[in-house]
Amino acid sequence: KESKKSWKQFGKTSIKRIDYSESMSFLEQRVDDVINDKKDELLWVLEHNPVFTSGISSKDEDILDKSIKVVKSNRGGRITYHGPGQKVVYFVLNLNKREKDIRKLLNNLESCIIDILKEYKVNSYPDKKNIGIWVGDLNKQKKIAAIGIKVKKWIAYHGFSLNISNNLDLYNKIVPCGIKNKGIINLKEIGISNFNNIEKVIVNKFLNIFL
């Protein structure tokens, strides 16, 4: 069953895993509804069934294992993997009623993810050259969260993914986000074992910034 909660008429969470194509159809429809003033903004926390997705900047050489299926997306960025053990945070934000500032939106998303990780005593940071949130020393950077944004008529959508306990071996089949020679990590590998409450943490931190 899918559990919907009213967070100031803003969001929902899904207990069951959602197919990527299903989520994209829902997201695109919500964007159109927001454009036409039919529905409110959205925050949606979920996990996907295993899927490799490519953004509008993806290149063929990003696929190292040619046997995998890659689903095309209209988000920004290149290729990435989504699957069990990773929280995907989709949003639809109406920048017509906010500041029309994509850089500020990105900065706010970065701050949101950093604040989430602080709850688990994990220090993280953005990288101006490589979008996303990173942990570790600069010479041993590992990505723990990816960000991909699309904007249509000043409605910003898609979102970010946060690695919790997902299978990191699957990233060996691709060049994650087109970034070579840098690793991928999750909370479990860092040594965090109690993340049962992470959906609530994600929602609270997001709403603190965007509501």
N, C-alpha and C. Protein backbone atom coordinates (compact mmCIF):
# COMPACT_ATOMS: atom_id res chain seq x y z
N LYS A 1 0.84 -1.20 0.00
CA LYS A 1 0.00 0.00 0.00
C LYS A 1 0.87 1.25 0.00
N GLU A 2 0.39 2.25 -0.68
CA GLU A 2 1.09 3.52 -0.68
C GLU A 2 0.52 4.38 0.43
N SER A 3 1.42 4.94 1.25
CA SER A 3 0.99 5.76 2.37
C SER A 3 1.13 7.22 2.01
N LYS A 4 0.04 7.96 2.06
CA LYS A 4 0.08 9.39 1.76
C LYS A 4 -0.14 10.17 3.05
N LYS A 5 0.69 11.14 3.27
CA LYS A 5 0.58 11.98 4.45
C LYS A 5 0.48 13.43 3.99
N SER A 6 -0.33 14.21 4.69
CA SER A 6 -0.47 15.62 4.36
C SER A 6 0.55 16.42 5.15
N TRP A 7 1.62 16.83 4.52
CA TRP A 7 2.60 17.71 5.14
C TRP A 7 2.29 19.11 4.66
N LYS A 8 1.34 19.75 5.35
CA LYS A 8 0.88 21.08 4.94
C LYS A 8 0.47 21.05 3.46
N GLN A 9 -0.24 20.00 3.07
CA GLN A 9 -0.73 19.80 1.70
C GLN A 9 0.41 19.81 0.69
N PHE A 10 1.54 19.27 1.09
CA PHE A 10 2.73 19.44 0.26
C PHE A 10 3.32 18.11 -0.23
N GLY A 11 3.20 17.04 0.55
CA GLY A 11 3.98 15.88 0.16
C GLY A 11 3.35 14.54 0.44
N LYS A 12 4.05 13.52 -0.01
CA LYS A 12 3.65 12.14 0.26
C LYS A 12 4.89 11.26 0.29
N THR A 13 4.74 10.08 0.88
CA THR A 13 5.81 9.11 0.88
C THR A 13 5.24 7.79 0.39
N SER A 14 6.05 7.00 -0.26
CA SER A 14 5.61 5.71 -0.78
C SER A 14 6.38 4.60 -0.08
N ILE A 15 5.62 3.67 0.50
CA ILE A 15 6.23 2.54 1.20
C ILE A 15 6.72 1.50 0.21
N LYS A 16 5.88 1.16 -0.76
CA LYS A 16 6.29 0.20 -1.77
C LYS A 16 7.23 0.87 -2.77
N ARG A 17 8.08 0.07 -3.43
CA ARG A 17 8.96 0.62 -4.46
C ARG A 17 8.16 1.02 -5.68
N ILE A 18 8.59 2.10 -6.30
CA ILE A 18 7.87 2.66 -7.45
C ILE A 18 8.74 2.50 -8.71
N ASP A 19 8.12 2.00 -9.79
CA ASP A 19 8.85 1.95 -11.06
C ASP A 19 9.18 3.35 -11.53
N TYR A 20 10.35 3.51 -12.14
CA TYR A 20 10.81 4.82 -12.55
C TYR A 20 9.84 5.47 -13.54
N SER A 21 9.37 4.70 -14.53
CA SER A 21 8.47 5.26 -15.54
C SER A 21 7.17 5.74 -14.92
N GLU A 22 6.69 5.02 -13.92
CA GLU A 22 5.46 5.43 -13.22
C GLU A 22 5.66 6.75 -12.50
N SER A 23 6.80 6.90 -11.85
CA SER A 23 7.07 8.14 -11.12
C SER A 23 7.23 9.32 -12.07
N MET A 24 7.84 9.08 -13.22
CA MET A 24 8.02 10.17 -14.18
C MET A 24 6.69 10.65 -14.75
N SER A 25 5.79 9.71 -15.03
CA SER A 25 4.46 10.09 -15.53
C SER A 25 3.72 10.92 -14.49
N PHE A 26 3.81 10.49 -13.23
CA PHE A 26 3.15 11.23 -12.15
C PHE A 26 3.74 12.62 -12.01
N LEU A 27 5.09 12.70 -12.07
CA LEU A 27 5.77 13.97 -11.88
C LEU A 27 5.45 14.95 -13.01
N GLU A 28 5.47 14.46 -14.25
CA GLU A 28 5.17 15.33 -15.39
C GLU A 28 3.74 15.86 -15.31
N GLN A 29 2.81 14.99 -14.90
CA GLN A 29 1.42 15.44 -14.76
C GLN A 29 1.29 16.47 -13.66
N ARG A 30 2.02 16.27 -12.56
CA ARG A 30 1.95 17.23 -11.45
C ARG A 30 2.50 18.59 -11.88
N VAL A 31 3.58 18.58 -12.66
CA VAL A 31 4.15 19.83 -13.16
C VAL A 31 3.11 20.59 -13.98
N ASP A 32 2.43 19.88 -14.89
CA ASP A 32 1.39 20.52 -15.71
C ASP A 32 0.25 21.06 -14.83
N ASP A 33 -0.11 20.29 -13.80
CA ASP A 33 -1.18 20.73 -12.91
C ASP A 33 -0.78 21.98 -12.12
N VAL A 34 0.48 22.05 -11.72
CA VAL A 34 0.96 23.24 -11.01
C VAL A 34 0.99 24.44 -11.96
N ILE A 35 1.45 24.22 -13.19
CA ILE A 35 1.47 25.30 -14.18
C ILE A 35 0.06 25.88 -14.38
N ASN A 36 -0.93 24.98 -14.39
CA ASN A 36 -2.32 25.39 -14.64
C ASN A 36 -3.10 25.68 -13.35
N ASP A 37 -2.37 25.81 -12.22
CA ASP A 37 -2.98 26.14 -10.93
C ASP A 37 -4.06 25.14 -10.51
N LYS A 38 -3.88 23.89 -10.89
CA LYS A 38 -4.84 22.85 -10.51
C LYS A 38 -4.44 22.15 -9.22
N LYS A 39 -3.11 22.08 -8.96
CA LYS A 39 -2.63 21.39 -7.77
C LYS A 39 -1.47 22.15 -7.15
N ASP A 40 -1.16 21.77 -5.91
CA ASP A 40 -0.09 22.42 -5.16
C ASP A 40 1.27 21.83 -5.52
N GLU A 41 2.31 22.45 -4.97
CA GLU A 41 3.66 21.91 -5.09
C GLU A 41 3.72 20.53 -4.44
N LEU A 42 4.83 19.84 -4.67
CA LEU A 42 4.91 18.44 -4.23
C LEU A 42 6.27 18.11 -3.64
N LEU A 43 6.26 17.28 -2.62
CA LEU A 43 7.45 16.59 -2.13
C LEU A 43 7.10 15.12 -2.07
N TRP A 44 7.94 14.24 -2.64
CA TRP A 44 7.62 12.81 -2.73
C TRP A 44 8.88 12.01 -2.43
N VAL A 45 8.85 11.25 -1.34
CA VAL A 45 10.00 10.42 -0.93
C VAL A 45 9.68 8.97 -1.24
N LEU A 46 10.58 8.30 -1.96
CA LEU A 46 10.31 6.93 -2.39
C LEU A 46 11.61 6.16 -2.62
N GLU A 47 11.46 4.87 -2.93
CA GLU A 47 12.55 4.06 -3.44
C GLU A 47 12.12 3.48 -4.78
N HIS A 48 13.07 3.33 -5.70
CA HIS A 48 12.77 2.76 -7.01
C HIS A 48 13.15 1.29 -7.06
N ASN A 49 12.46 0.57 -7.94
CA ASN A 49 12.98 -0.71 -8.37
C ASN A 49 14.28 -0.44 -9.12
N PRO A 50 15.20 -1.42 -9.19
CA PRO A 50 16.51 -1.17 -9.82
C PRO A 50 16.38 -0.61 -11.24
N VAL A 51 17.08 0.50 -11.50
CA VAL A 51 17.00 1.13 -12.82
C VAL A 51 18.21 2.04 -13.04
N PHE A 52 18.74 2.02 -14.26
CA PHE A 52 19.75 2.98 -14.69
C PHE A 52 19.03 4.05 -15.51
N THR A 53 19.29 5.33 -15.20
CA THR A 53 18.64 6.41 -15.94
C THR A 53 19.68 7.39 -16.46
N SER A 54 19.38 7.98 -17.61
CA SER A 54 20.30 8.95 -18.20
C SER A 54 19.64 10.31 -18.29
N GLY A 55 20.40 11.35 -17.99
CA GLY A 55 19.93 12.72 -18.11
C GLY A 55 20.25 13.28 -19.48
N ILE A 56 19.93 14.55 -19.67
CA ILE A 56 20.05 15.15 -21.00
C ILE A 56 21.51 15.35 -21.43
N SER A 57 22.45 15.26 -20.49
CA SER A 57 23.87 15.43 -20.83
C SER A 57 24.62 14.11 -20.96
N SER A 58 23.90 12.98 -20.87
CA SER A 58 24.55 11.67 -20.88
C SER A 58 25.24 11.37 -22.21
N LYS A 59 26.29 10.56 -22.13
CA LYS A 59 27.05 10.14 -23.30
C LYS A 59 27.16 8.62 -23.31
N ASP A 60 27.31 8.06 -24.52
CA ASP A 60 27.37 6.61 -24.66
C ASP A 60 28.51 6.00 -23.87
N GLU A 61 29.62 6.72 -23.77
CA GLU A 61 30.78 6.17 -23.05
C GLU A 61 30.56 6.08 -21.54
N ASP A 62 29.46 6.67 -21.04
CA ASP A 62 29.13 6.56 -19.62
C ASP A 62 28.65 5.15 -19.27
N ILE A 63 28.26 4.37 -20.29
CA ILE A 63 27.78 3.00 -20.07
C ILE A 63 28.94 2.05 -20.26
N LEU A 64 29.43 1.48 -19.17
CA LEU A 64 30.58 0.56 -19.22
C LEU A 64 30.13 -0.86 -19.52
N ASP A 65 28.98 -1.26 -19.02
CA ASP A 65 28.42 -2.58 -19.27
C ASP A 65 27.30 -2.41 -20.30
N LYS A 66 27.59 -2.77 -21.54
CA LYS A 66 26.65 -2.51 -22.63
C LYS A 66 25.41 -3.40 -22.56
N SER A 67 25.37 -4.34 -21.62
CA SER A 67 24.21 -5.23 -21.52
C SER A 67 23.08 -4.62 -20.70
N ILE A 68 23.37 -3.52 -19.99
CA ILE A 68 22.33 -2.95 -19.14
C ILE A 68 21.34 -2.11 -19.95
N LYS A 69 20.12 -2.04 -19.46
CA LYS A 69 19.10 -1.19 -20.06
C LYS A 69 19.12 0.16 -19.36
N VAL A 70 19.11 1.22 -20.15
CA VAL A 70 19.14 2.58 -19.59
C VAL A 70 17.87 3.31 -20.01
N VAL A 71 17.18 3.88 -19.04
CA VAL A 71 15.95 4.63 -19.30
C VAL A 71 16.30 6.11 -19.43
N LYS A 72 15.86 6.71 -20.53
CA LYS A 72 16.14 8.13 -20.75
C LYS A 72 15.22 9.00 -19.91
N SER A 73 15.79 10.10 -19.42
CA SER A 73 15.04 11.05 -18.60
C SER A 73 15.30 12.46 -19.12
N ASN A 74 14.39 13.38 -18.81
CA ASN A 74 14.59 14.78 -19.23
C ASN A 74 15.22 15.63 -18.14
N ARG A 75 15.69 14.99 -17.07
CA ARG A 75 16.36 15.74 -16.01
C ARG A 75 17.74 16.19 -16.48
N GLY A 76 18.34 17.09 -15.72
CA GLY A 76 19.72 17.46 -15.99
C GLY A 76 20.67 16.36 -15.53
N GLY A 77 21.91 16.45 -15.97
CA GLY A 77 22.91 15.48 -15.54
C GLY A 77 23.09 14.33 -16.52
N ARG A 78 23.86 13.32 -16.08
CA ARG A 78 24.21 12.22 -16.95
C ARG A 78 23.60 10.92 -16.42
N ILE A 79 24.34 9.84 -16.41
CA ILE A 79 23.76 8.55 -16.05
C ILE A 79 23.93 8.25 -14.57
N THR A 80 22.93 7.62 -13.98
CA THR A 80 23.03 7.20 -12.59
C THR A 80 22.21 5.94 -12.38
N TYR A 81 22.29 5.42 -11.17
CA TYR A 81 21.54 4.21 -10.80
C TYR A 81 20.63 4.52 -9.63
N HIS A 82 19.40 3.98 -9.68
CA HIS A 82 18.48 4.04 -8.55
C HIS A 82 18.07 2.62 -8.19
N GLY A 83 17.86 2.36 -6.90
CA GLY A 83 17.42 1.04 -6.50
C GLY A 83 17.13 0.95 -5.02
N PRO A 84 16.79 -0.23 -4.56
CA PRO A 84 16.48 -0.44 -3.14
C PRO A 84 17.63 0.03 -2.24
N GLY A 85 17.27 0.64 -1.11
CA GLY A 85 18.30 1.13 -0.20
C GLY A 85 18.74 2.55 -0.51
N GLN A 86 18.12 3.16 -1.50
CA GLN A 86 18.41 4.55 -1.84
C GLN A 86 17.11 5.35 -1.79
N LYS A 87 17.12 6.45 -1.07
CA LYS A 87 15.94 7.31 -1.01
C LYS A 87 16.00 8.32 -2.15
N VAL A 88 14.93 8.35 -2.93
CA VAL A 88 14.80 9.33 -4.01
C VAL A 88 13.79 10.37 -3.56
N VAL A 89 14.17 11.62 -3.67
CA VAL A 89 13.34 12.73 -3.19
C VAL A 89 12.95 13.59 -4.38
N TYR A 90 11.72 13.41 -4.84
CA TYR A 90 11.21 14.21 -5.96
C TYR A 90 10.45 15.42 -5.42
N PHE A 91 10.51 16.49 -6.17
CA PHE A 91 9.77 17.69 -5.78
C PHE A 91 9.24 18.38 -7.02
N VAL A 92 8.21 19.18 -6.82
CA VAL A 92 7.73 20.13 -7.83
C VAL A 92 7.60 21.46 -7.10
N LEU A 93 8.42 22.42 -7.48
CA LEU A 93 8.45 23.73 -6.80
C LEU A 93 8.14 24.83 -7.81
N ASN A 94 7.22 25.68 -7.46
CA ASN A 94 6.79 26.76 -8.34
C ASN A 94 7.65 28.00 -8.10
N LEU A 95 8.63 28.21 -8.96
CA LEU A 95 9.52 29.35 -8.79
C LEU A 95 8.87 30.66 -9.21
N ASN A 96 7.70 30.57 -9.86
CA ASN A 96 6.94 31.79 -10.15
C ASN A 96 6.48 32.46 -8.86
N LYS A 97 6.29 31.65 -7.82
CA LYS A 97 5.84 32.17 -6.53
C LYS A 97 6.99 32.22 -5.52
N ARG A 98 8.18 31.92 -6.01
CA ARG A 98 9.39 31.98 -5.19
C ARG A 98 10.39 32.87 -5.94
N GLU A 99 11.67 32.73 -5.64
CA GLU A 99 12.67 33.45 -6.41
C GLU A 99 13.01 32.66 -7.67
N LYS A 100 13.04 33.36 -8.80
CA LYS A 100 13.42 32.69 -10.06
C LYS A 100 14.93 32.63 -10.15
N ASP A 101 15.50 31.79 -9.33
CA ASP A 101 16.95 31.73 -9.18
C ASP A 101 17.36 30.25 -9.07
N ILE A 102 17.83 29.67 -10.18
CA ILE A 102 18.18 28.25 -10.22
C ILE A 102 19.40 27.97 -9.34
N ARG A 103 20.34 28.89 -9.31
CA ARG A 103 21.53 28.70 -8.48
C ARG A 103 21.14 28.65 -7.00
N LYS A 104 20.22 29.53 -6.59
CA LYS A 104 19.78 29.50 -5.20
C LYS A 104 19.03 28.21 -4.89
N LEU A 105 18.23 27.74 -5.84
CA LEU A 105 17.53 26.47 -5.66
C LEU A 105 18.52 25.33 -5.44
N LEU A 106 19.55 25.29 -6.28
CA LEU A 106 20.57 24.25 -6.14
C LEU A 106 21.28 24.35 -4.80
N ASN A 107 21.63 25.58 -4.40
CA ASN A 107 22.29 25.79 -3.11
C ASN A 107 21.40 25.31 -1.95
N ASN A 108 20.10 25.58 -2.06
CA ASN A 108 19.17 25.15 -1.02
C ASN A 108 19.06 23.63 -0.96
N LEU A 109 19.06 22.98 -2.12
CA LEU A 109 19.01 21.52 -2.16
C LEU A 109 20.28 20.93 -1.54
N GLU A 110 21.42 21.52 -1.86
CA GLU A 110 22.67 21.07 -1.27
C GLU A 110 22.65 21.21 0.24
N SER A 111 22.15 22.36 0.72
CA SER A 111 22.07 22.59 2.16
C SER A 111 21.13 21.60 2.83
N CYS A 112 20.04 21.27 2.15
CA CYS A 112 19.07 20.32 2.67
C CYS A 112 19.72 18.95 2.88
N ILE A 113 20.45 18.47 1.87
CA ILE A 113 21.10 17.16 1.97
C ILE A 113 22.17 17.16 3.05
N ILE A 114 22.95 18.23 3.11
CA ILE A 114 24.00 18.35 4.14
C ILE A 114 23.37 18.31 5.54
N ASP A 115 22.23 18.99 5.70
CA ASP A 115 21.53 19.00 6.99
C ASP A 115 21.00 17.61 7.34
N ILE A 116 20.50 16.90 6.35
CA ILE A 116 20.03 15.52 6.58
C ILE A 116 21.18 14.66 7.11
N LEU A 117 22.32 14.75 6.46
CA LEU A 117 23.47 13.92 6.84
C LEU A 117 24.02 14.31 8.21
N LYS A 118 23.89 15.59 8.56
CA LYS A 118 24.35 16.03 9.89
C LYS A 118 23.60 15.31 11.01
N GLU A 119 22.35 14.94 10.74
CA GLU A 119 21.56 14.22 11.73
C GLU A 119 22.20 12.87 12.08
N TYR A 120 23.02 12.37 11.16
CA TYR A 120 23.69 11.08 11.36
C TYR A 120 25.18 11.27 11.62
N LYS A 121 25.54 12.50 12.01
CA LYS A 121 26.93 12.84 12.35
C LYS A 121 27.87 12.63 11.17
N VAL A 122 27.36 12.84 9.97
CA VAL A 122 28.16 12.70 8.74
C VAL A 122 28.43 14.10 8.19
N ASN A 123 29.70 14.45 8.06
CA ASN A 123 30.08 15.72 7.46
C ASN A 123 30.16 15.57 5.95
N SER A 124 29.50 16.46 5.23
CA SER A 124 29.47 16.37 3.77
C SER A 124 29.55 17.77 3.19
N TYR A 125 29.75 17.85 1.89
CA TYR A 125 29.95 19.15 1.25
C TYR A 125 29.64 19.07 -0.25
N PRO A 126 29.30 20.21 -0.87
CA PRO A 126 29.14 20.26 -2.32
C PRO A 126 30.49 20.46 -2.99
N ASP A 127 30.52 20.21 -4.29
CA ASP A 127 31.73 20.42 -5.09
C ASP A 127 31.33 21.27 -6.29
N LYS A 128 31.96 22.42 -6.45
CA LYS A 128 31.58 23.33 -7.53
C LYS A 128 31.77 22.71 -8.91
N LYS A 129 32.73 21.79 -9.03
CA LYS A 129 33.02 21.18 -10.34
C LYS A 129 32.12 19.98 -10.62
N ASN A 130 31.71 19.29 -9.56
CA ASN A 130 30.93 18.06 -9.72
C ASN A 130 29.68 18.14 -8.87
N ILE A 131 28.52 18.28 -9.52
CA ILE A 131 27.28 18.45 -8.80
C ILE A 131 26.99 17.22 -7.94
N GLY A 132 26.38 17.47 -6.79
CA GLY A 132 26.08 16.40 -5.85
C GLY A 132 26.66 16.73 -4.49
N ILE A 133 26.50 15.79 -3.56
CA ILE A 133 27.04 15.97 -2.21
C ILE A 133 28.07 14.86 -1.96
N TRP A 134 29.19 15.26 -1.36
CA TRP A 134 30.36 14.40 -1.23
C TRP A 134 30.80 14.28 0.22
N VAL A 135 31.50 13.18 0.50
CA VAL A 135 32.12 12.98 1.81
C VAL A 135 33.58 12.58 1.60
N GLY A 136 34.37 12.70 2.65
CA GLY A 136 35.78 12.31 2.57
C GLY A 136 36.68 13.46 2.19
N ASP A 137 37.99 13.20 2.26
CA ASP A 137 38.98 14.19 1.87
C ASP A 137 38.89 14.49 0.38
N LEU A 138 39.35 15.66 -0.01
CA LEU A 138 39.24 16.07 -1.41
C LEU A 138 39.96 15.12 -2.36
N ASN A 139 41.02 14.46 -1.89
CA ASN A 139 41.74 13.53 -2.76
C ASN A 139 41.15 12.13 -2.71
N LYS A 140 40.11 11.94 -1.86
CA LYS A 140 39.43 10.65 -1.78
C LYS A 140 37.92 10.86 -1.70
N GLN A 141 37.44 11.77 -2.55
CA GLN A 141 36.01 12.10 -2.53
C GLN A 141 35.13 10.92 -2.91
N LYS A 142 34.02 10.78 -2.20
CA LYS A 142 33.01 9.80 -2.58
C LYS A 142 31.64 10.46 -2.53
N LYS A 143 30.86 10.20 -3.58
CA LYS A 143 29.54 10.83 -3.67
C LYS A 143 28.52 10.02 -2.88
N ILE A 144 27.73 10.73 -2.07
CA ILE A 144 26.68 10.08 -1.30
C ILE A 144 25.29 10.52 -1.75
N ALA A 145 25.20 11.62 -2.50
CA ALA A 145 23.90 12.10 -2.98
C ALA A 145 24.06 12.74 -4.36
N ALA A 146 23.11 12.44 -5.23
CA ALA A 146 23.10 13.01 -6.58
C ALA A 146 21.91 13.96 -6.73
N ILE A 147 22.08 14.97 -7.57
CA ILE A 147 21.04 15.98 -7.78
C ILE A 147 20.78 16.12 -9.28
N GLY A 148 19.51 16.16 -9.66
CA GLY A 148 19.14 16.39 -11.06
C GLY A 148 17.90 17.25 -11.13
N ILE A 149 17.98 18.36 -11.84
CA ILE A 149 16.88 19.34 -11.87
C ILE A 149 16.43 19.59 -13.31
N LYS A 150 15.14 19.80 -13.47
CA LYS A 150 14.55 20.25 -14.73
C LYS A 150 13.64 21.43 -14.43
N VAL A 151 13.58 22.40 -15.33
CA VAL A 151 12.71 23.56 -15.12
C VAL A 151 11.83 23.77 -16.35
N LYS A 152 10.54 23.89 -16.11
CA LYS A 152 9.57 24.11 -17.19
C LYS A 152 8.65 25.25 -16.78
N LYS A 153 8.71 26.36 -17.52
CA LYS A 153 7.90 27.54 -17.21
C LYS A 153 8.07 27.96 -15.74
N TRP A 154 9.30 27.89 -15.29
CA TRP A 154 9.70 28.24 -13.93
C TRP A 154 9.09 27.32 -12.86
N ILE A 155 8.70 26.12 -13.29
CA ILE A 155 8.37 25.05 -12.34
C ILE A 155 9.58 24.13 -12.29
N ALA A 156 10.22 24.05 -11.14
CA ALA A 156 11.41 23.21 -10.98
C ALA A 156 11.00 21.84 -10.43
N TYR A 157 11.57 20.79 -11.02
CA TYR A 157 11.18 19.45 -10.57
C TYR A 157 12.30 18.45 -10.79
N HIS A 158 12.00 17.19 -10.54
CA HIS A 158 12.93 16.06 -10.35
C HIS A 158 13.45 16.15 -8.93
N GLY A 159 14.73 16.01 -8.67
CA GLY A 159 15.10 16.01 -7.26
C GLY A 159 16.49 15.52 -6.96
N PHE A 160 16.58 14.75 -5.87
CA PHE A 160 17.90 14.22 -5.48
C PHE A 160 17.75 12.81 -4.93
N SER A 161 18.84 12.08 -4.95
CA SER A 161 18.85 10.73 -4.40
C SER A 161 19.94 10.66 -3.33
N LEU A 162 19.64 9.92 -2.25
CA LEU A 162 20.55 9.79 -1.13
C LEU A 162 20.82 8.31 -0.88
N ASN A 163 22.09 7.95 -0.91
CA ASN A 163 22.48 6.55 -0.75
C ASN A 163 22.46 6.15 0.72
N ILE A 164 21.63 5.17 1.04
CA ILE A 164 21.48 4.71 2.43
C ILE A 164 22.16 3.35 2.62
N SER A 165 21.63 2.33 1.95
CA SER A 165 22.17 0.98 2.08
C SER A 165 22.12 0.24 0.75
N ASN A 166 22.16 0.97 -0.35
CA ASN A 166 22.02 0.39 -1.69
C ASN A 166 23.27 -0.39 -2.10
N ASN A 167 23.10 -1.22 -3.13
CA ASN A 167 24.18 -2.04 -3.66
C ASN A 167 25.13 -1.17 -4.50
N LEU A 168 26.28 -0.87 -3.96
CA LEU A 168 27.23 0.03 -4.64
C LEU A 168 27.94 -0.63 -5.81
N ASP A 169 27.95 -1.96 -5.86
CA ASP A 169 28.63 -2.67 -6.95
C ASP A 169 28.01 -2.34 -8.30
N LEU A 170 26.71 -2.01 -8.31
CA LEU A 170 26.04 -1.74 -9.58
C LEU A 170 26.55 -0.47 -10.26
N TYR A 171 27.17 0.41 -9.49
CA TYR A 171 27.74 1.62 -10.09
C TYR A 171 28.96 1.31 -10.96
N ASN A 172 29.52 0.10 -10.81
CA ASN A 172 30.66 -0.29 -11.63
C ASN A 172 30.27 -0.51 -13.08
N LYS A 173 28.99 -0.59 -13.36
CA LYS A 173 28.50 -0.80 -14.73
C LYS A 173 28.43 0.50 -15.52
N ILE A 174 28.60 1.64 -14.83
CA ILE A 174 28.46 2.95 -15.46
C ILE A 174 29.56 3.88 -14.95
N VAL A 175 29.64 5.05 -15.60
CA VAL A 175 30.43 6.16 -15.05
C VAL A 175 29.42 7.07 -14.36
N PRO A 176 29.25 6.93 -13.05
CA PRO A 176 28.17 7.64 -12.35
C PRO A 176 28.24 9.15 -12.55
N CYS A 177 27.16 9.70 -13.10
CA CYS A 177 27.06 11.16 -13.34
C CYS A 177 28.19 11.66 -14.23
N GLY A 178 28.82 10.75 -14.98
CA GLY A 178 29.90 11.12 -15.88
C GLY A 178 31.19 11.50 -15.19
N ILE A 179 31.30 11.18 -13.90
CA ILE A 179 32.49 11.57 -13.12
C ILE A 179 33.39 10.36 -12.92
N LYS A 180 34.59 10.42 -13.49
CA LYS A 180 35.54 9.31 -13.39
C LYS A 180 36.47 9.51 -12.19
N ASN A 181 37.05 8.41 -11.74
CA ASN A 181 38.10 8.44 -10.70
C ASN A 181 37.62 8.96 -9.35
N LYS A 182 36.31 8.88 -9.11
CA LYS A 182 35.77 9.23 -7.80
C LYS A 182 34.79 8.14 -7.39
N GLY A 183 34.69 7.90 -6.10
CA GLY A 183 33.88 6.78 -5.63
C GLY A 183 32.45 7.15 -5.29
N ILE A 184 31.69 6.10 -4.98
CA ILE A 184 30.32 6.23 -4.50
C ILE A 184 30.26 5.58 -3.13
N ILE A 185 29.49 6.16 -2.23
CA ILE A 185 29.40 5.63 -0.88
C ILE A 185 27.97 5.75 -0.38
N ASN A 186 27.63 5.01 0.68
CA ASN A 186 26.33 5.14 1.31
C ASN A 186 26.49 5.19 2.83
N LEU A 187 25.40 5.46 3.52
CA LEU A 187 25.47 5.57 4.98
C LEU A 187 25.93 4.27 5.63
N LYS A 188 25.48 3.15 5.08
CA LYS A 188 25.84 1.85 5.65
C LYS A 188 27.35 1.63 5.61
N GLU A 189 27.98 1.99 4.49
CA GLU A 189 29.43 1.81 4.36
C GLU A 189 30.19 2.75 5.30
N ILE A 190 29.61 3.91 5.55
CA ILE A 190 30.24 4.84 6.49
C ILE A 190 30.19 4.28 7.92
N GLY A 191 29.22 3.41 8.17
CA GLY A 191 29.11 2.81 9.49
C GLY A 191 27.83 3.17 10.23
N ILE A 192 26.88 3.81 9.50
CA ILE A 192 25.60 4.16 10.10
C ILE A 192 24.66 2.97 9.95
N SER A 193 24.18 2.45 11.05
CA SER A 193 23.32 1.26 11.00
C SER A 193 21.86 1.57 11.30
N ASN A 194 21.60 2.69 11.97
CA ASN A 194 20.22 3.03 12.32
C ASN A 194 19.75 4.21 11.46
N PHE A 195 19.04 3.88 10.40
CA PHE A 195 18.50 4.93 9.53
C PHE A 195 17.01 4.68 9.26
N ASN A 196 16.33 4.03 10.23
CA ASN A 196 14.92 3.70 10.06
C ASN A 196 14.03 4.93 9.98
N ASN A 197 14.50 6.03 10.54
CA ASN A 197 13.69 7.24 10.62
C ASN A 197 14.03 8.25 9.52
N ILE A 198 14.74 7.80 8.49
CA ILE A 198 15.32 8.76 7.55
C ILE A 198 14.28 9.51 6.73
N GLU A 199 13.12 8.88 6.43
CA GLU A 199 12.10 9.60 5.67
C GLU A 199 11.63 10.84 6.43
N LYS A 200 11.44 10.69 7.74
CA LYS A 200 11.00 11.83 8.56
C LYS A 200 12.06 12.91 8.58
N VAL A 201 13.32 12.51 8.69
CA VAL A 201 14.42 13.48 8.68
C VAL A 201 14.45 14.24 7.35
N ILE A 202 14.33 13.51 6.25
CA ILE A 202 14.33 14.13 4.92
C ILE A 202 13.21 15.16 4.80
N VAL A 203 12.01 14.75 5.18
CA VAL A 203 10.85 15.64 5.07
C VAL A 203 11.03 16.90 5.91
N ASN A 204 11.44 16.71 7.16
CA ASN A 204 11.60 17.87 8.06
C ASN A 204 12.64 18.85 7.53
N LYS A 205 13.78 18.33 7.08
CA LYS A 205 14.84 19.21 6.59
C LYS A 205 14.40 19.94 5.32
N PHE A 206 13.69 19.23 4.44
CA PHE A 206 13.21 19.84 3.19
C PHE A 206 12.21 20.97 3.50
N LEU A 207 11.25 20.66 4.37
CA LEU A 207 10.22 21.65 4.68
C LEU A 207 10.80 22.84 5.42
N ASN A 208 11.84 22.62 6.23
CA ASN A 208 12.49 23.72 6.93
C ASN A 208 13.06 24.75 5.96
N ILE A 209 13.49 24.29 4.79
CA ILE A 209 14.11 25.16 3.81
C ILE A 209 13.08 25.72 2.82
N PHE A 210 12.13 24.88 2.41
CA PHE A 210 11.27 25.27 1.28
C PHE A 210 9.85 25.68 1.67
N LEU A 211 9.49 25.54 2.94
CA LEU A 211 8.15 26.02 3.34
C LEU A 211 8.27 27.24 4.25
